[in-house]
């Protein structure tokens, strides 16, 4: 069994891509997330209700999106306890079609290195079909 490599501050440069991944959301994903989170808002499963409140379709849960987007960064870190903070703004809902899934493309890059406190800011881009669904999506991580 190999020991995972723990990222270090000295091994990084601003602009380095530390993770790139695509996550697929389906209606099944939404149902499972609703069950786990207790968020049964009908905008996440009922097309008629979503249309009634002005949405184009059923949309993914915001917290599901945030969790999926930070996951590749946590995998790269090897220890979720190294996450100091995480923030984002929602800019566009993720429409989840009834029969197919929707791909969320995630890319995480080093935005800032702070040697004085051993942290790095990781800037994360999340997009669907080339359009950003989150802005100002950033994580601060503590590195060795």
N, C-alpha and C. Protein backbone atom coordinates (compact mmCIF):
# COMPACT_ATOMS: atom_id res chain seq x y z
N UNK A 1 0.84 -1.18 0.00
CA UNK A 1 0.00 0.00 0.00
C UNK A 1 0.89 1.24 0.00
N UNK A 2 0.57 2.20 -0.88
CA UNK A 2 1.37 3.41 -0.94
C UNK A 2 0.76 4.50 -0.08
N UNK A 3 1.63 5.31 0.48
CA UNK A 3 1.18 6.43 1.30
C UNK A 3 0.91 7.61 0.37
N UNK A 4 -0.27 8.25 0.49
CA UNK A 4 -0.55 9.40 -0.37
C UNK A 4 0.43 10.53 -0.11
N UNK A 5 0.77 11.25 -1.16
CA UNK A 5 1.66 12.39 -1.04
C UNK A 5 0.88 13.57 -0.48
N UNK A 6 1.39 14.12 0.60
CA UNK A 6 0.75 15.28 1.22
C UNK A 6 1.31 16.53 0.55
N UNK A 7 0.44 17.39 0.01
CA UNK A 7 0.94 18.60 -0.64
C UNK A 7 1.65 19.52 0.36
N UNK A 8 2.70 20.16 -0.11
CA UNK A 8 3.43 21.09 0.73
C UNK A 8 3.42 22.47 0.08
N UNK A 9 3.55 23.48 0.90
CA UNK A 9 3.55 24.85 0.41
C UNK A 9 4.70 25.07 -0.58
N UNK A 10 5.86 24.51 -0.26
CA UNK A 10 7.03 24.70 -1.10
C UNK A 10 6.95 24.04 -2.46
N UNK A 11 6.04 23.08 -2.62
CA UNK A 11 5.93 22.38 -3.90
C UNK A 11 4.95 23.05 -4.85
N UNK A 12 4.34 24.15 -4.41
CA UNK A 12 3.31 24.80 -5.21
C UNK A 12 3.74 26.15 -5.75
N UNK A 13 3.15 26.52 -6.86
CA UNK A 13 3.34 27.84 -7.47
C UNK A 13 1.96 28.39 -7.80
N UNK A 14 1.82 29.71 -7.66
CA UNK A 14 0.56 30.33 -8.04
C UNK A 14 0.21 29.95 -9.48
N UNK A 15 -1.03 29.54 -9.68
CA UNK A 15 -1.50 29.13 -11.01
C UNK A 15 -1.49 27.63 -11.24
N UNK A 16 -0.84 26.87 -10.34
CA UNK A 16 -0.84 25.41 -10.48
C UNK A 16 -2.27 24.87 -10.41
N UNK A 17 -2.61 23.98 -11.33
CA UNK A 17 -3.89 23.29 -11.26
C UNK A 17 -3.69 22.09 -10.34
N UNK A 18 -4.45 22.06 -9.25
CA UNK A 18 -4.27 20.96 -8.28
C UNK A 18 -5.36 19.90 -8.41
N UNK A 19 -6.44 20.23 -9.10
CA UNK A 19 -7.51 19.24 -9.30
C UNK A 19 -8.35 19.65 -10.50
N UNK A 20 -8.77 18.64 -11.24
CA UNK A 20 -9.68 18.85 -12.37
C UNK A 20 -10.57 17.61 -12.43
N UNK A 21 -11.86 17.83 -12.42
CA UNK A 21 -12.79 16.70 -12.34
C UNK A 21 -14.15 17.10 -12.89
N UNK A 22 -14.89 16.12 -13.35
CA UNK A 22 -16.28 16.33 -13.76
C UNK A 22 -17.17 15.47 -12.89
N UNK A 23 -18.18 16.09 -12.30
CA UNK A 23 -19.18 15.37 -11.50
C UNK A 23 -20.50 15.43 -12.25
N UNK A 24 -21.21 14.33 -12.30
CA UNK A 24 -22.50 14.27 -12.98
C UNK A 24 -23.61 14.24 -11.94
N UNK A 25 -24.58 15.15 -12.09
CA UNK A 25 -25.76 15.18 -11.25
C UNK A 25 -26.92 14.61 -12.06
N UNK A 26 -27.67 13.71 -11.47
CA UNK A 26 -28.89 13.16 -12.06
C UNK A 26 -30.03 13.42 -11.09
N UNK A 27 -31.24 13.12 -11.53
CA UNK A 27 -32.37 13.25 -10.60
C UNK A 27 -32.18 12.29 -9.42
N UNK A 28 -31.58 11.14 -9.68
CA UNK A 28 -31.29 10.19 -8.61
C UNK A 28 -30.35 10.83 -7.58
N UNK A 29 -29.36 11.58 -8.05
CA UNK A 29 -28.45 12.28 -7.15
C UNK A 29 -29.23 13.23 -6.25
N UNK A 30 -30.20 13.94 -6.83
CA UNK A 30 -30.99 14.89 -6.06
C UNK A 30 -31.85 14.19 -5.00
N UNK A 31 -32.44 13.06 -5.37
CA UNK A 31 -33.26 12.30 -4.43
C UNK A 31 -32.42 11.80 -3.26
N UNK A 32 -31.26 11.26 -3.59
CA UNK A 32 -30.38 10.75 -2.53
C UNK A 32 -29.91 11.88 -1.61
N UNK A 33 -29.56 13.02 -2.21
CA UNK A 33 -29.12 14.15 -1.40
C UNK A 33 -30.26 14.66 -0.52
N UNK A 34 -31.45 14.74 -1.07
CA UNK A 34 -32.61 15.19 -0.28
C UNK A 34 -32.81 14.27 0.92
N UNK A 35 -32.70 12.98 0.71
CA UNK A 35 -32.86 12.04 1.81
C UNK A 35 -31.79 12.19 2.88
N UNK A 36 -30.56 12.42 2.45
CA UNK A 36 -29.46 12.56 3.40
C UNK A 36 -29.51 13.89 4.14
N UNK A 37 -29.95 14.95 3.45
CA UNK A 37 -29.91 16.29 4.05
C UNK A 37 -31.22 16.71 4.70
N UNK A 38 -32.31 16.06 4.29
CA UNK A 38 -33.62 16.47 4.77
C UNK A 38 -34.19 17.66 4.01
N UNK A 39 -33.54 18.05 2.91
CA UNK A 39 -34.01 19.19 2.10
C UNK A 39 -34.94 18.68 1.00
N UNK A 40 -36.23 18.67 1.29
CA UNK A 40 -37.23 18.16 0.34
C UNK A 40 -37.99 19.29 -0.35
N UNK A 41 -37.32 20.41 -0.57
CA UNK A 41 -37.95 21.51 -1.30
C UNK A 41 -38.32 21.00 -2.69
N UNK A 42 -39.57 21.17 -3.13
CA UNK A 42 -40.00 20.62 -4.41
C UNK A 42 -39.29 21.19 -5.64
N UNK A 43 -38.55 22.30 -5.50
CA UNK A 43 -37.80 22.80 -6.66
C UNK A 43 -36.69 21.82 -7.05
N UNK A 44 -36.41 20.86 -6.18
CA UNK A 44 -35.35 19.89 -6.45
C UNK A 44 -35.86 18.57 -7.01
N UNK A 45 -37.19 18.43 -7.16
CA UNK A 45 -37.69 17.17 -7.71
C UNK A 45 -38.98 17.29 -8.52
N UNK A 46 -39.68 18.42 -8.46
CA UNK A 46 -40.98 18.53 -9.09
C UNK A 46 -40.95 19.60 -10.19
N UNK A 47 -40.99 19.16 -11.46
CA UNK A 47 -40.90 20.09 -12.59
C UNK A 47 -42.03 21.12 -12.58
N UNK A 48 -43.25 20.69 -12.28
CA UNK A 48 -44.38 21.61 -12.30
C UNK A 48 -44.21 22.69 -11.24
N UNK A 49 -43.78 22.31 -10.06
CA UNK A 49 -43.57 23.29 -8.99
C UNK A 49 -42.43 24.24 -9.36
N UNK A 50 -41.34 23.70 -9.90
CA UNK A 50 -40.21 24.53 -10.31
C UNK A 50 -40.66 25.58 -11.33
N UNK A 51 -41.48 25.17 -12.29
CA UNK A 51 -41.99 26.11 -13.31
C UNK A 51 -42.90 27.15 -12.66
N UNK A 52 -43.70 26.71 -11.70
CA UNK A 52 -44.63 27.61 -11.01
C UNK A 52 -43.91 28.76 -10.28
N UNK A 53 -42.71 28.48 -9.79
CA UNK A 53 -41.96 29.52 -9.07
C UNK A 53 -40.94 30.23 -9.97
N UNK A 54 -41.04 29.97 -11.29
CA UNK A 54 -40.22 30.72 -12.24
C UNK A 54 -38.90 30.09 -12.63
N UNK A 55 -38.68 28.85 -12.24
CA UNK A 55 -37.45 28.17 -12.62
C UNK A 55 -37.65 27.43 -13.94
N UNK A 56 -36.60 27.29 -14.73
CA UNK A 56 -36.73 26.60 -16.01
C UNK A 56 -36.91 25.09 -15.87
N UNK A 57 -36.48 24.55 -14.73
CA UNK A 57 -36.51 23.10 -14.52
C UNK A 57 -36.19 22.84 -13.05
N UNK A 58 -36.19 21.58 -12.70
CA UNK A 58 -35.71 21.17 -11.39
C UNK A 58 -34.23 21.56 -11.30
N UNK A 59 -33.82 22.05 -10.13
CA UNK A 59 -32.42 22.46 -9.97
C UNK A 59 -31.76 21.69 -8.82
N UNK A 60 -30.45 21.61 -8.91
CA UNK A 60 -29.66 20.94 -7.88
C UNK A 60 -29.65 21.78 -6.60
N UNK A 61 -29.52 21.10 -5.48
CA UNK A 61 -29.39 21.76 -4.18
C UNK A 61 -28.08 22.55 -4.14
N UNK A 62 -28.12 23.72 -3.57
CA UNK A 62 -26.91 24.53 -3.44
C UNK A 62 -25.83 23.84 -2.62
N UNK A 63 -26.23 23.23 -1.51
CA UNK A 63 -25.23 22.59 -0.66
C UNK A 63 -24.67 21.32 -1.32
N UNK A 64 -25.47 20.65 -2.13
CA UNK A 64 -24.96 19.51 -2.92
C UNK A 64 -23.87 20.01 -3.86
N UNK A 65 -24.14 21.12 -4.53
CA UNK A 65 -23.17 21.70 -5.45
C UNK A 65 -21.89 22.07 -4.72
N UNK A 66 -22.02 22.77 -3.59
CA UNK A 66 -20.83 23.16 -2.82
C UNK A 66 -20.02 21.95 -2.39
N UNK A 67 -20.70 20.90 -1.94
CA UNK A 67 -20.00 19.70 -1.50
C UNK A 67 -19.29 19.00 -2.65
N UNK A 68 -19.95 18.91 -3.79
CA UNK A 68 -19.34 18.26 -4.95
C UNK A 68 -18.13 19.04 -5.44
N UNK A 69 -18.21 20.35 -5.39
CA UNK A 69 -17.13 21.20 -5.91
C UNK A 69 -15.89 21.18 -5.01
N UNK A 70 -16.07 21.08 -3.70
CA UNK A 70 -14.92 21.06 -2.81
C UNK A 70 -14.29 19.67 -2.73
N UNK A 71 -15.01 18.63 -3.09
CA UNK A 71 -14.51 17.26 -2.95
C UNK A 71 -13.15 17.00 -3.61
N UNK A 72 -12.92 17.44 -4.85
CA UNK A 72 -11.60 17.19 -5.45
C UNK A 72 -10.46 17.88 -4.68
N UNK A 73 -10.74 19.03 -4.08
CA UNK A 73 -9.73 19.72 -3.28
C UNK A 73 -9.43 18.91 -2.02
N UNK A 74 -10.46 18.41 -1.37
CA UNK A 74 -10.27 17.60 -0.17
C UNK A 74 -9.52 16.31 -0.49
N UNK A 75 -9.82 15.71 -1.65
CA UNK A 75 -9.08 14.52 -2.07
C UNK A 75 -7.61 14.84 -2.25
N UNK A 76 -7.32 15.97 -2.87
CA UNK A 76 -5.93 16.40 -3.08
C UNK A 76 -5.24 16.64 -1.75
N UNK A 77 -5.94 17.25 -0.80
CA UNK A 77 -5.36 17.53 0.51
C UNK A 77 -5.02 16.26 1.28
N UNK A 78 -5.86 15.25 1.12
CA UNK A 78 -5.64 14.00 1.85
C UNK A 78 -6.17 14.02 3.27
N UNK A 79 -6.52 15.18 3.78
CA UNK A 79 -7.03 15.32 5.14
C UNK A 79 -7.99 16.51 5.16
N UNK A 80 -9.30 16.26 5.30
CA UNK A 80 -10.26 17.37 5.29
C UNK A 80 -10.04 18.35 6.44
N UNK A 81 -9.32 17.94 7.47
CA UNK A 81 -9.03 18.82 8.59
C UNK A 81 -8.08 19.96 8.20
N UNK A 82 -7.46 19.87 7.03
CA UNK A 82 -6.57 20.93 6.54
C UNK A 82 -7.34 22.08 5.89
N UNK A 83 -8.64 21.90 5.69
CA UNK A 83 -9.47 22.96 5.14
C UNK A 83 -9.73 23.99 6.23
N UNK A 84 -9.29 25.23 5.99
CA UNK A 84 -9.46 26.30 6.96
C UNK A 84 -10.77 27.03 6.73
N UNK A 85 -11.07 27.34 5.46
CA UNK A 85 -12.33 28.01 5.14
C UNK A 85 -12.71 27.72 3.70
N UNK A 86 -13.99 27.94 3.40
CA UNK A 86 -14.52 27.68 2.07
C UNK A 86 -15.70 28.61 1.87
N UNK A 87 -15.71 29.33 0.73
CA UNK A 87 -16.79 30.26 0.45
C UNK A 87 -17.08 30.29 -1.04
N UNK A 88 -18.30 30.69 -1.36
CA UNK A 88 -18.68 30.85 -2.76
C UNK A 88 -19.93 31.70 -2.86
N UNK A 89 -20.23 32.10 -4.08
CA UNK A 89 -21.51 32.74 -4.40
C UNK A 89 -22.15 31.94 -5.52
N UNK A 90 -23.43 31.74 -5.40
CA UNK A 90 -24.18 31.02 -6.43
C UNK A 90 -24.58 32.02 -7.51
N UNK A 91 -24.26 31.71 -8.76
CA UNK A 91 -24.56 32.65 -9.84
C UNK A 91 -25.59 32.10 -10.83
N UNK A 92 -25.70 30.80 -10.91
CA UNK A 92 -26.60 30.21 -11.89
C UNK A 92 -27.05 28.84 -11.34
N UNK A 93 -28.35 28.58 -11.35
CA UNK A 93 -28.80 27.26 -10.88
C UNK A 93 -28.37 26.17 -11.85
N UNK A 94 -28.18 24.99 -11.32
CA UNK A 94 -27.84 23.84 -12.16
C UNK A 94 -29.12 23.08 -12.45
N UNK A 95 -29.57 23.18 -13.70
CA UNK A 95 -30.77 22.46 -14.12
C UNK A 95 -30.42 20.99 -14.31
N UNK A 96 -31.24 20.12 -13.73
CA UNK A 96 -31.00 18.68 -13.83
C UNK A 96 -32.14 18.06 -14.63
N UNK A 97 -31.84 17.60 -15.85
CA UNK A 97 -32.90 17.05 -16.70
C UNK A 97 -33.51 15.77 -16.13
N UNK A 98 -34.73 15.49 -16.53
CA UNK A 98 -35.47 14.34 -15.99
C UNK A 98 -34.82 13.00 -16.32
N UNK A 99 -34.28 12.86 -17.52
CA UNK A 99 -33.79 11.55 -17.93
C UNK A 99 -32.28 11.42 -17.99
N UNK A 100 -31.59 12.49 -18.29
CA UNK A 100 -30.14 12.45 -18.39
C UNK A 100 -29.53 13.19 -17.21
N UNK A 101 -28.22 13.12 -17.12
CA UNK A 101 -27.53 13.88 -16.09
C UNK A 101 -26.98 15.17 -16.65
N UNK A 102 -26.44 15.97 -15.78
CA UNK A 102 -25.77 17.21 -16.17
C UNK A 102 -24.36 17.16 -15.58
N UNK A 103 -23.38 17.49 -16.40
CA UNK A 103 -21.99 17.47 -15.96
C UNK A 103 -21.58 18.80 -15.38
N UNK A 104 -20.97 18.75 -14.21
CA UNK A 104 -20.41 19.94 -13.56
C UNK A 104 -18.90 19.80 -13.65
N UNK A 105 -18.27 20.71 -14.40
CA UNK A 105 -16.82 20.69 -14.57
C UNK A 105 -16.18 21.53 -13.47
N UNK A 106 -15.19 20.93 -12.81
CA UNK A 106 -14.54 21.56 -11.66
C UNK A 106 -13.04 21.66 -11.94
N UNK A 107 -12.49 22.84 -11.69
CA UNK A 107 -11.04 23.02 -11.78
C UNK A 107 -10.60 23.86 -10.61
N UNK A 108 -9.56 23.39 -9.91
CA UNK A 108 -9.05 24.09 -8.74
C UNK A 108 -7.60 24.48 -8.98
N UNK A 109 -7.29 25.75 -8.78
CA UNK A 109 -5.94 26.26 -9.00
C UNK A 109 -5.45 27.02 -7.77
N UNK A 110 -4.14 27.06 -7.64
CA UNK A 110 -3.53 27.82 -6.55
C UNK A 110 -3.65 29.30 -6.89
N UNK A 111 -4.33 30.05 -6.02
CA UNK A 111 -4.53 31.48 -6.25
C UNK A 111 -3.59 32.35 -5.45
N UNK A 112 -3.15 31.85 -4.28
CA UNK A 112 -2.30 32.65 -3.40
C UNK A 112 -1.59 31.71 -2.44
N UNK A 113 -0.32 31.97 -2.20
CA UNK A 113 0.47 31.22 -1.22
C UNK A 113 0.90 32.16 -0.11
N UNK A 114 0.66 31.75 1.13
CA UNK A 114 1.03 32.59 2.28
C UNK A 114 1.99 31.80 3.16
N UNK A 115 3.28 32.00 2.91
CA UNK A 115 4.29 31.25 3.66
C UNK A 115 4.28 31.60 5.14
N UNK A 116 3.88 32.86 5.47
CA UNK A 116 3.91 33.27 6.88
C UNK A 116 2.96 32.46 7.76
N UNK A 117 1.87 31.97 7.22
CA UNK A 117 0.98 31.15 8.05
C UNK A 117 0.77 29.74 7.48
N UNK A 118 1.51 29.40 6.43
CA UNK A 118 1.46 28.03 5.89
C UNK A 118 0.16 27.69 5.19
N UNK A 119 -0.48 28.70 4.59
CA UNK A 119 -1.76 28.43 3.91
C UNK A 119 -1.67 28.77 2.42
N UNK A 120 -2.60 28.21 1.71
CA UNK A 120 -2.76 28.52 0.29
C UNK A 120 -4.24 28.78 0.03
N UNK A 121 -4.51 29.74 -0.86
CA UNK A 121 -5.89 29.94 -1.30
C UNK A 121 -6.05 29.18 -2.60
N UNK A 122 -7.06 28.35 -2.64
CA UNK A 122 -7.36 27.57 -3.83
C UNK A 122 -8.60 28.19 -4.47
N UNK A 123 -8.45 28.61 -5.72
CA UNK A 123 -9.56 29.20 -6.48
C UNK A 123 -10.20 28.09 -7.30
N UNK A 124 -11.51 27.98 -7.18
CA UNK A 124 -12.23 26.87 -7.82
C UNK A 124 -13.21 27.42 -8.84
N UNK A 125 -13.17 26.82 -10.02
CA UNK A 125 -14.12 27.15 -11.07
C UNK A 125 -15.06 25.97 -11.22
N UNK A 126 -16.36 26.24 -11.20
CA UNK A 126 -17.38 25.22 -11.43
C UNK A 126 -18.27 25.72 -12.55
N UNK A 127 -18.40 24.90 -13.59
CA UNK A 127 -19.19 25.34 -14.74
C UNK A 127 -20.00 24.19 -15.32
N UNK A 128 -21.07 24.57 -15.98
CA UNK A 128 -21.93 23.63 -16.70
C UNK A 128 -22.04 24.16 -18.12
N UNK A 129 -21.65 23.35 -19.07
CA UNK A 129 -21.73 23.79 -20.46
C UNK A 129 -20.93 25.04 -20.75
N UNK A 130 -19.82 25.21 -20.04
CA UNK A 130 -18.97 26.37 -20.24
C UNK A 130 -19.41 27.62 -19.50
N UNK A 131 -20.53 27.57 -18.78
CA UNK A 131 -21.01 28.72 -18.02
C UNK A 131 -20.80 28.48 -16.52
N UNK A 132 -20.19 29.46 -15.87
CA UNK A 132 -19.92 29.35 -14.44
C UNK A 132 -21.22 29.28 -13.65
N UNK A 133 -21.25 28.38 -12.67
CA UNK A 133 -22.41 28.27 -11.79
C UNK A 133 -22.10 28.83 -10.40
N UNK A 134 -20.82 29.04 -10.12
CA UNK A 134 -20.39 29.63 -8.86
C UNK A 134 -19.36 30.72 -9.17
N UNK A 135 -19.31 31.76 -8.34
CA UNK A 135 -18.25 32.75 -8.45
C UNK A 135 -17.63 32.94 -7.07
N UNK A 136 -16.45 33.55 -7.08
CA UNK A 136 -15.71 33.76 -5.83
C UNK A 136 -15.67 32.48 -5.01
N UNK A 137 -15.44 31.39 -5.68
CA UNK A 137 -15.37 30.09 -5.02
C UNK A 137 -13.93 29.86 -4.60
N UNK A 138 -13.71 29.89 -3.30
CA UNK A 138 -12.35 29.84 -2.77
C UNK A 138 -12.29 28.98 -1.51
N UNK A 139 -11.18 28.28 -1.40
CA UNK A 139 -10.90 27.53 -0.19
C UNK A 139 -9.52 27.94 0.32
N UNK A 140 -9.39 28.09 1.61
CA UNK A 140 -8.07 28.30 2.23
C UNK A 140 -7.71 27.00 2.90
N UNK A 141 -6.50 26.52 2.58
CA UNK A 141 -6.04 25.24 3.12
C UNK A 141 -4.70 25.43 3.83
N UNK A 142 -4.50 24.63 4.87
CA UNK A 142 -3.23 24.65 5.60
C UNK A 142 -2.37 23.52 5.06
N UNK A 143 -1.15 23.86 4.69
CA UNK A 143 -0.24 22.88 4.11
C UNK A 143 0.99 22.71 4.99
N UNK A 144 1.68 21.63 4.75
CA UNK A 144 2.91 21.33 5.53
C UNK A 144 4.02 22.28 5.11
